Amino acid sequence: MLTRLTPRLVPKVWGSKRLEPLFPDNTEKIGEVWFEGVPDLPLLIKFLFTTEPLSVQVHPEGKTEMWHILAAEPGAKIAAGFREPITEQRLRESALSGEIEQLLEWHEARPGDTFFIPAGTVHAIGAGLTLCEIQQWSDVTYRLFDYGRPRELHLDEGTRVSQLGPHPARQSAREGVLVTCPFFTTERVRMDGSVSRKASMIVVLEGNLEIDGQPAKAGEAWYADKATVELLGRATVLLTS
């Protein structure tokens, strides 16, 4: 069975009113678009739109994720892991003081780049980015530092699950397999014609195509409960299995 998933727009303080060309612009700041509509989906797919930095945060086991950068303003950055090993005490103290932002390893984020964030990796998403996130189905987030916003921090839980050293998260733009891990494998395919692939989740980033004969366009995500899918058209897609 092939199903077009339903997008759900989620307002966030760090989000954007400008969502085009993936979605119509909005009158309120939308930070995330979740794709839902099928019970027990194997993975959670989101689009993120940022005009302010997100919190410095970490996820426990059960929420490994990847980010594929779709658009980036000049100077936009992603943080993942620390520049050098630190102690739990230093993590807690730096989270309280804000120094944690300087301890993280920041990477320039460019369209086409991919960042792999296993559970336990302390990370942050900067302002000026549009990205596609593919993750294990969990929304457990421990905030360590939130730029003075009046939201709850989770220092005890976050310190307990954090990896305290560097992490090689960034992969430069390329086609083919972007991430492979025990929980999912994601491939980027730029197609002009017909392609047959094994994939349970299809995200259309650019263009128009048919998936098993059904029309699909940029900004859509599809779930395929079958062995392979037949793609026809001119488009760029992320295929995850």
C-alpha atoms as a PDB file:
ATOM      1  CA  MET A   1       0.000   0.000   0.000  1.00  0.00           C
ATOM      2  CA  LEU A   2       1.234   3.493  -0.876  1.00  0.00           C
ATOM      3  CA  THR A   3       0.045   6.427   1.250  1.00  0.00           C
ATOM      4  CA  ARG A   4       0.708  10.146   0.998  1.00  0.00           C
ATOM      5  CA  LEU A   5       1.374  11.297   4.555  1.00  0.00           C
ATOM      6  CA  THR A   6      -0.444  14.271   6.042  1.00  0.00           C
ATOM      7  CA  PRO A   7       1.643  17.327   6.949  1.00  0.00           C
ATOM      8  CA  ARG A   8       0.981  18.913  10.348  1.00  0.00           C
ATOM      9  CA  LEU A   9       2.363  22.409  10.895  1.00  0.00           C
ATOM     10  CA  VAL A  10       3.863  22.986  14.361  1.00  0.00           C
ATOM     11  CA  PRO A  11       4.432  26.594  15.546  1.00  0.00           C
ATOM     12  CA  LYS A  12       7.764  27.281  17.265  1.00  0.00           C
ATOM     13  CA  VAL A  13       9.296  30.459  18.715  1.00  0.00           C
ATOM     14  CA  TRP A  14      12.338  29.917  16.484  1.00  0.00           C
ATOM     15  CA  GLY A  15      10.317  29.123  13.369  1.00  0.00           C
ATOM     16  CA  SER A  16       9.598  31.059  10.180  1.00  0.00           C
ATOM     17  CA  LYS A  17       6.589  32.513   8.389  1.00  0.00           C
ATOM     18  CA  ARG A  18       8.326  31.864   5.067  1.00  0.00           C
ATOM     19  CA  LEU A  19       7.802  28.245   4.083  1.00  0.00           C
ATOM     20  CA  GLU A  20       7.848  28.452   0.289  1.00  0.00           C
ATOM     21  CA  PRO A  21       8.531  26.664  -2.002  1.00  0.00           C
ATOM     22  CA  LEU A  22       7.715  23.568   0.059  1.00  0.00           C
ATOM     23  CA  PHE A  23       4.527  24.958   1.655  1.00  0.00           C
ATOM     24  CA  PRO A  24       2.542  28.192   1.466  1.00  0.00           C
ATOM     25  CA  ASP A  25       3.835  30.991   3.666  1.00  0.00           C
ATOM     26  CA  ASN A  26       2.080  31.291   7.032  1.00  0.00           C
ATOM     27  CA  THR A  27       0.884  34.120   9.267  1.00  0.00           C
ATOM     28  CA  GLU A  28       2.567  32.571  12.321  1.00  0.00           C
ATOM     29  CA  LYS A  29       6.072  31.210  12.839  1.00  0.00           C
ATOM     30  CA  ILE A  30       6.142  27.539  11.873  1.00  0.00           C
ATOM     31  CA  GLY A  31       9.163  25.610  13.091  1.00  0.00           C
ATOM     32  CA  GLU A  32       8.318  22.050  12.131  1.00  0.00           C
ATOM     33  CA  VAL A  33       6.136  20.155   9.698  1.00  0.00           C
ATOM     34  CA  TRP A  34       5.437  16.602  10.856  1.00  0.00           C
ATOM     35  CA  PHE A  35       4.270  13.891   8.452  1.00  0.00           C
ATOM     36  CA  GLU A  36       1.594  11.646   9.909  1.00  0.00           C
ATOM     37  CA  GLY A  37      -1.499   9.696   8.937  1.00  0.00           C
ATOM     38  CA  VAL A  38      -0.417   6.054   9.126  1.00  0.00           C
ATOM     39  CA  PRO A  39      -0.431   4.134  12.436  1.00  0.00           C
ATOM     40  CA  ASP A  40       2.916   2.794  13.634  1.00  0.00           C
ATOM     41  CA  LEU A  41       5.097   4.500  11.044  1.00  0.00           C
ATOM     42  CA  PRO A  42       8.640   3.109  11.243  1.00  0.00           C
ATOM     43  CA  LEU A  43      10.219   6.590  11.249  1.00  0.00           C
ATOM     44  CA  LEU A  44       9.263  10.210  11.824  1.00  0.00           C
ATOM     45  CA  ILE A  45       9.901  12.680   9.007  1.00  0.00           C
ATOM     46  CA  LYS A  46       9.883  16.446   9.516  1.00  0.00           C
ATOM     47  CA  PHE A  47      10.792  19.630   7.721  1.00  0.00           C
ATOM     48  CA  LEU A  48      12.333  22.328   9.941  1.00  0.00           C
ATOM     49  CA  PHE A  49      12.406  26.082   9.275  1.00  0.00           C
ATOM     50  CA  THR A  50      14.574  28.259  11.540  1.00  0.00           C
ATOM     51  CA  THR A  51      14.939  32.033  11.962  1.00  0.00           C
ATOM     52  CA  GLU A  52      16.485  31.751  15.445  1.00  0.00           C
ATOM     53  CA  PRO A  53      18.782  29.112  16.957  1.00  0.00           C
ATOM     54  CA  LEU A  54      17.159  26.095  18.557  1.00  0.00           C
ATOM     55  CA  SER A  55      18.176  25.040  22.046  1.00  0.00           C
ATOM     56  CA  VAL A  56      21.361  23.103  22.713  1.00  0.00           C
ATOM     57  CA  GLN A  57      19.955  19.650  23.357  1.00  0.00           C
ATOM     58  CA  VAL A  58      20.495  15.903  23.428  1.00  0.00           C
ATOM     59  CA  HIS A  59      18.294  12.867  22.853  1.00  0.00           C
ATOM     60  CA  PRO A  60      18.315   9.564  24.755  1.00  0.00           C
ATOM     61  CA  GLU A  61      18.456   6.117  23.151  1.00  0.00           C
ATOM     62  CA  GLY A  62      15.538   5.686  20.794  1.00  0.00           C
ATOM     63  CA  LYS A  63      15.996   8.985  18.939  1.00  0.00           C
ATOM     64  CA  THR A  64      18.820   8.744  16.440  1.00  0.00           C
ATOM     65  CA  GLU A  65      18.285  11.199  13.588  1.00  0.00           C
ATOM     66  CA  MET A  66      19.739  12.791  10.470  1.00  0.00           C
ATOM     67  CA  TRP A  67      19.349  16.231   8.937  1.00  0.00           C
ATOM     68  CA  HIS A  68      19.578  16.973   5.220  1.00  0.00           C
ATOM     69  CA  ILE A  69      20.058  20.677   4.502  1.00  0.00           C
ATOM     70  CA  LEU A  70      17.701  22.078   1.865  1.00  0.00           C
ATOM     71  CA  ALA A  71      18.396  25.815   2.165  1.00  0.00           C
ATOM     72  CA  ALA A  72      20.853  27.853   4.217  1.00  0.00           C
ATOM     73  CA  GLU A  73      21.402  31.558   4.647  1.00  0.00           C
ATOM     74  CA  PRO A  74      25.031  32.764   4.627  1.00  0.00           C
ATOM     75  CA  GLY A  75      26.708  31.847   7.909  1.00  0.00           C
ATOM     76  CA  ALA A  76      24.109  29.271   8.952  1.00  0.00           C
ATOM     77  CA  LYS A  77      25.604  26.606  11.206  1.00  0.00           C
ATOM     78  CA  ILE A  78      24.968  23.235  12.835  1.00  0.00           C
ATOM     79  CA  ALA A  79      26.631  22.071  16.068  1.00  0.00           C
ATOM     80  CA  ALA A  80      27.283  18.403  16.852  1.00  0.00           C
ATOM     81  CA  GLY A  81      29.529  17.036  19.577  1.00  0.00           C
ATOM     82  CA  PHE A  82      32.256  18.897  21.434  1.00  0.00           C
ATOM     83  CA  ARG A  83      35.515  20.335  20.104  1.00  0.00           C
ATOM     84  CA  GLU A  84      37.374  18.305  22.733  1.00  0.00           C
ATOM     85  CA  PRO A  85      36.399  15.878  25.516  1.00  0.00           C
ATOM     86  CA  ILE A  86      34.805  17.404  28.605  1.00  0.00           C
ATOM     87  CA  THR A  87      33.607  16.103  31.975  1.00  0.00           C
ATOM     88  CA  GLU A  88      30.042  15.803  33.199  1.00  0.00           C
ATOM     89  CA  GLN A  89      30.735  18.617  35.662  1.00  0.00           C
ATOM     90  CA  ARG A  90      31.984  20.868  32.850  1.00  0.00           C
ATOM     91  CA  LEU A  91      28.911  20.024  30.793  1.00  0.00           C
ATOM     92  CA  ARG A  92      26.576  21.020  33.608  1.00  0.00           C
ATOM     93  CA  GLU A  93      28.487  24.186  34.496  1.00  0.00           C
ATOM     94  CA  SER A  94      28.768  25.301  30.873  1.00  0.00           C
ATOM     95  CA  ALA A  95      25.066  24.669  30.275  1.00  0.00           C
ATOM     96  CA  LEU A  96      24.194  26.926  33.197  1.00  0.00           C
ATOM     97  CA  SER A  97      26.603  29.668  32.146  1.00  0.00           C
ATOM     98  CA  GLY A  98      26.012  29.488  28.389  1.00  0.00           C
ATOM     99  CA  GLU A  99      29.644  28.552  27.721  1.00  0.00           C
ATOM    100  CA  ILE A 100      28.406  25.285  26.199  1.00  0.00           C
ATOM    101  CA  GLU A 101      27.789  27.140  22.949  1.00  0.00           C
ATOM    102  CA  GLN A 102      31.547  27.776  22.650  1.00  0.00           C
ATOM    103  CA  LEU A 103      32.482  24.207  23.600  1.00  0.00           C
ATOM    104  CA  LEU A 104      30.460  22.656  20.783  1.00  0.00           C
ATOM    105  CA  GLU A 105      31.863  21.880  17.333  1.00  0.00           C
ATOM    106  CA  TRP A 106      30.072  24.183  14.872  1.00  0.00           C
ATOM    107  CA  HIS A 107      29.908  23.358  11.163  1.00  0.00           C
ATOM    108  CA  GLU A 108      28.966  25.548   8.245  1.00  0.00           C
ATOM    109  CA  ALA A 109      25.715  24.218   6.808  1.00  0.00           C
ATOM    110  CA  ARG A 110      25.252  24.305   3.044  1.00  0.00           C
ATOM    111  CA  PRO A 111      22.420  23.010   0.848  1.00  0.00           C
ATOM    112  CA  GLY A 112      22.964  19.306   0.198  1.00  0.00           C
ATOM    113  CA  ASP A 113      24.974  18.716   3.376  1.00  0.00           C
ATOM    114  CA  THR A 114      23.899  15.917   5.701  1.00  0.00           C
ATOM    115  CA  PHE A 115      24.425  15.655   9.461  1.00  0.00           C
ATOM    116  CA  PHE A 116      24.098  12.342  11.326  1.00  0.00           C
ATOM    117  CA  ILE A 117      23.121  12.708  14.997  1.00  0.00           C
ATOM    118  CA  PRO A 118      23.092   9.452  16.969  1.00  0.00           C
ATOM    119  CA  ALA A 119      21.304   9.391  20.316  1.00  0.00           C
ATOM    120  CA  GLY A 120      23.533  10.944  22.979  1.00  0.00           C
ATOM    121  CA  THR A 121      25.130  13.516  20.655  1.00  0.00           C
ATOM    122  CA  VAL A 122      24.833  17.039  22.061  1.00  0.00           C
ATOM    123  CA  HIS A 123      23.720  19.245  19.184  1.00  0.00           C
ATOM    124  CA  ALA A 124      22.168  22.508  18.067  1.00  0.00           C
ATOM    125  CA  ILE A 125      20.571  23.856  14.898  1.00  0.00           C
ATOM    126  CA  GLY A 126      21.314  27.470  14.057  1.00  0.00           C
ATOM    127  CA  ALA A 127      19.170  30.153  12.445  1.00  0.00           C
ATOM    128  CA  GLY A 128      18.554  30.547   8.733  1.00  0.00           C
ATOM    129  CA  LEU A 129      18.052  26.904   7.802  1.00  0.00           C
ATOM    130  CA  THR A 130      15.508  24.712   6.052  1.00  0.00           C
ATOM    131  CA  LEU A 131      16.164  21.014   6.517  1.00  0.00           C
ATOM    132  CA  CYS A 132      14.588  17.592   6.337  1.00  0.00           C
ATOM    133  CA  GLU A 133      14.876  15.496   9.488  1.00  0.00           C
ATOM    134  CA  ILE A 134      14.525  11.707   9.462  1.00  0.00           C
ATOM    135  CA  GLN A 135      14.537  10.050  12.871  1.00  0.00           C
ATOM    136  CA  GLN A 136      13.425   7.201  15.033  1.00  0.00           C
ATOM    137  CA  TRP A 137       9.865   7.762  16.189  1.00  0.00           C
ATOM    138  CA  SER A 138      10.356   9.631  19.454  1.00  0.00           C
ATOM    139  CA  ASP A 139       9.952  13.219  20.585  1.00  0.00           C
ATOM    140  CA  VAL A 140      12.033  13.010  23.773  1.00  0.00           C
ATOM    141  CA  THR A 141      14.374  16.011  23.921  1.00  0.00           C
ATOM    142  CA  TYR A 142      16.531  17.146  26.831  1.00  0.00           C
ATOM    143  CA  ARG A 143      17.304  20.862  26.649  1.00  0.00           C
ATOM    144  CA  LEU A 144      20.680  21.869  28.070  1.00  0.00           C
ATOM    145  CA  PHE A 145      20.797  25.564  27.097  1.00  0.00           C
ATOM    146  CA  ASP A 146      18.049  27.708  25.572  1.00  0.00           C
ATOM    147  CA  TYR A 147      19.481  31.190  24.959  1.00  0.00           C
ATOM    148  CA  GLY A 148      17.522  32.689  27.859  1.00  0.00           C
ATOM    149  CA  ARG A 149      14.095  31.535  26.705  1.00  0.00           C
ATOM    150  CA  PRO A 150      11.720  30.716  29.577  1.00  0.00           C
ATOM    151  CA  ARG A 151      11.532  26.985  28.865  1.00  0.00           C
ATOM    152  CA  GLU A 152      12.418  24.094  31.137  1.00  0.00           C
ATOM    153  CA  LEU A 153      15.954  22.699  31.049  1.00  0.00           C
ATOM    154  CA  HIS A 154      16.739  19.033  31.682  1.00  0.00           C
ATOM    155  CA  LEU A 155      20.280  19.060  33.047  1.00  0.00           C
ATOM    156  CA  ASP A 156      20.075  15.865  35.087  1.00  0.00           C
ATOM    157  CA  GLU A 157      18.574  13.794  32.279  1.00  0.00           C
ATOM    158  CA  GLY A 158      20.699  15.430  29.592  1.00  0.00           C
ATOM    159  CA  THR A 159      23.979  15.008  31.442  1.00  0.00           C
ATOM    160  CA  ARG A 160      23.198  11.349  32.070  1.00  0.00           C
ATOM    161  CA  VAL A 161      22.806  10.484  28.360  1.00  0.00           C
ATOM    162  CA  SER A 162      25.319  12.871  26.740  1.00  0.00           C
ATOM    163  CA  GLN A 163      28.418  11.731  24.878  1.00  0.00           C
ATOM    164  CA  LEU A 164      31.170  14.053  26.091  1.00  0.00           C
ATOM    165  CA  GLY A 165      33.542  14.162  23.137  1.00  0.00           C
ATOM    166  CA  PRO A 166      33.772  14.992  19.418  1.00  0.00           C
ATOM    167  CA  HIS A 167      31.449  13.497  16.821  1.00  0.00           C
ATOM    168  CA  PRO A 168      32.079  13.466  13.023  1.00  0.00           C
ATOM    169  CA  ALA A 169      28.546  14.482  12.045  1.00  0.00           C
ATOM    170  CA  ARG A 170      28.947  16.415   8.798  1.00  0.00           C
ATOM    171  CA  GLN A 171      28.909  14.930   5.308  1.00  0.00           C
ATOM    172  CA  SER A 172      29.371  17.181   2.287  1.00  0.00           C
ATOM    173  CA  ALA A 173      26.785  17.310  -0.493  1.00  0.00           C
ATOM    174  CA  ARG A 174      26.552  14.161  -2.586  1.00  0.00           C
ATOM    175  CA  GLU A 175      24.170  11.764  -4.265  1.00  0.00           C
ATOM    176  CA  GLY A 176      23.648   8.161  -3.216  1.00  0.00           C
ATOM    177  CA  VAL A 177      23.579   6.786   0.322  1.00  0.00           C
ATOM    178  CA  LEU A 178      23.758   9.597   2.880  1.00  0.00           C
ATOM    179  CA  VAL A 179      23.350   7.701   6.144  1.00  0.00           C
ATOM    180  CA  THR A 180      23.264   4.049   7.067  1.00  0.00           C
ATOM    181  CA  CYS A 181      22.789   2.964  10.675  1.00  0.00           C
ATOM    182  CA  PRO A 182      20.992   0.178  12.560  1.00  0.00           C
ATOM    183  CA  PHE A 183      17.730   2.136  12.443  1.00  0.00           C
ATOM    184  CA  PHE A 184      17.513   3.391   8.852  1.00  0.00           C
ATOM    185  CA  THR A 185      19.356   3.899   5.580  1.00  0.00           C
ATOM    186  CA  THR A 186      18.690   7.042   3.557  1.00  0.00           C
ATOM    187  CA  GLU A 187      19.632   7.600  -0.074  1.00  0.00           C
ATOM    188  CA  ARG A 188      19.412  10.824  -2.084  1.00  0.00           C
ATOM    189  CA  VAL A 189      18.398  10.272  -5.711  1.00  0.00           C
ATOM    190  CA  ARG A 190      18.292  12.940  -8.415  1.00  0.00           C
ATOM    191  CA  MET A 191      16.200  11.370 -11.149  1.00  0.00           C
ATOM    192  CA  ASP A 192      15.144  12.183 -14.707  1.00  0.00           C
ATOM    193  CA  GLY A 193      13.240   9.183 -15.962  1.00  0.00           C
ATOM    194  CA  SER A 194      12.315   5.958 -14.198  1.00  0.00           C
ATOM    195  CA  VAL A 195      13.856   4.459 -11.065  1.00  0.00           C
ATOM    196  CA  SER A 196      12.989   1.306  -9.115  1.00  0.00           C
ATOM    197  CA  ARG A 197      14.065   1.271  -5.488  1.00  0.00           C
ATOM    198  CA  LYS A 198      13.437  -0.401  -2.168  1.00  0.00           C
ATOM    199  CA  ALA A 199      12.100   2.280   0.192  1.00  0.00           C
ATOM    200  CA  SER A 200       9.490   2.535   2.923  1.00  0.00           C
ATOM    201  CA  MET A 201       9.577   6.351   3.167  1.00  0.00           C
ATOM    202  CA  ILE A 202       9.859   8.724   0.205  1.00  0.00           C
ATOM    203  CA  VAL A 203      10.426  12.467   0.673  1.00  0.00           C
ATOM    204  CA  VAL A 204      10.134  14.674  -2.411  1.00  0.00           C
ATOM    205  CA  LEU A 205      12.568  17.591  -2.176  1.00  0.00           C
ATOM    206  CA  GLU A 206      12.300  19.040  -5.676  1.00  0.00           C
ATOM    207  CA  GLY A 207      10.304  18.501  -8.844  1.00  0.00           C
ATOM    208  CA  ASN A 208       7.357  16.323  -9.762  1.00  0.00           C
ATOM    209  CA  LEU A 209       7.048  12.595 -10.268  1.00  0.00           C
ATOM    210  CA  GLU A 210       4.827   9.569 -10.060  1.00  0.00           C
ATOM    211  CA  ILE A 211       5.251   7.002  -7.300  1.00  0.00           C
ATOM    212  CA  ASP A 212       3.705   3.717  -8.402  1.00  0.00           C
ATOM    213  CA  GLY A 213       1.544   5.774 -10.759  1.00  0.00           C
ATOM    214  CA  GLN A 214       0.401   8.325  -8.168  1.00  0.00           C
ATOM    215  CA  PRO A 215       1.385  11.997  -8.704  1.00  0.00           C
ATOM    216  CA  ALA A 216       3.738  13.468  -6.110  1.00  0.00           C
ATOM    217  CA  LYS A 217       5.440  16.839  -5.724  1.00  0.00           C
ATOM    218  CA  ALA A 218       8.011  18.711  -3.648  1.00  0.00           C
ATOM    219  CA  GLY A 219       7.106  19.032   0.012  1.00  0.00           C
ATOM    220  CA  GLU A 220       5.369  15.659   0.230  1.00  0.00           C
ATOM    221  CA  ALA A 221       6.289  12.497   2.111  1.00  0.00           C
ATOM    222  CA  TRP A 222       4.948   9.042   1.269  1.00  0.00           C
ATOM    223  CA  TYR A 223       4.861   5.696   3.057  1.00  0.00           C
ATOM    224  CA  ALA A 224       5.190   2.492   1.052  1.00  0.00           C
ATOM    225  CA  ASP A 225       4.289  -0.766   2.767  1.00  0.00           C
ATOM    226  CA  LYS A 226       5.838  -2.934   0.057  1.00  0.00           C
ATOM    227  CA  ALA A 227       9.168  -4.263  -1.184  1.00  0.00           C
ATOM    228  CA  THR A 228       9.958  -1.738  -3.951  1.00  0.00           C
ATOM    229  CA  VAL A 229       8.519   1.421  -5.458  1.00  0.00           C
ATOM    230  CA  GLU A 230       8.530   2.587  -9.066  1.00  0.00           C
ATOM    231  CA  LEU A 231       9.415   6.253  -9.535  1.00  0.00           C
ATOM    232  CA  LEU A 232       8.903   8.168 -12.781  1.00  0.00           C
ATOM    233  CA  GLY A 233       9.631  11.833 -13.403  1.00  0.00           C
ATOM    234  CA  ARG A 234      12.156  14.604 -12.886  1.00  0.00           C
ATOM    235  CA  ALA A 235      12.774  15.156  -9.188  1.00  0.00           C
ATOM    236  CA  THR A 236      15.113  14.918  -6.212  1.00  0.00           C
ATOM    237  CA  VAL A 237      13.995  12.511  -3.500  1.00  0.00           C
ATOM    238  CA  LEU A 238      15.170  11.006  -0.238  1.00  0.00           C
ATOM    239  CA  LEU A 239      14.480   7.271  -0.033  1.00  0.00           C
ATOM    240  CA  THR A 240      14.612   5.661   3.395  1.00  0.00           C
ATOM    241  CA  SER A 241      14.308   2.047   4.389  1.00  0.00           C
END
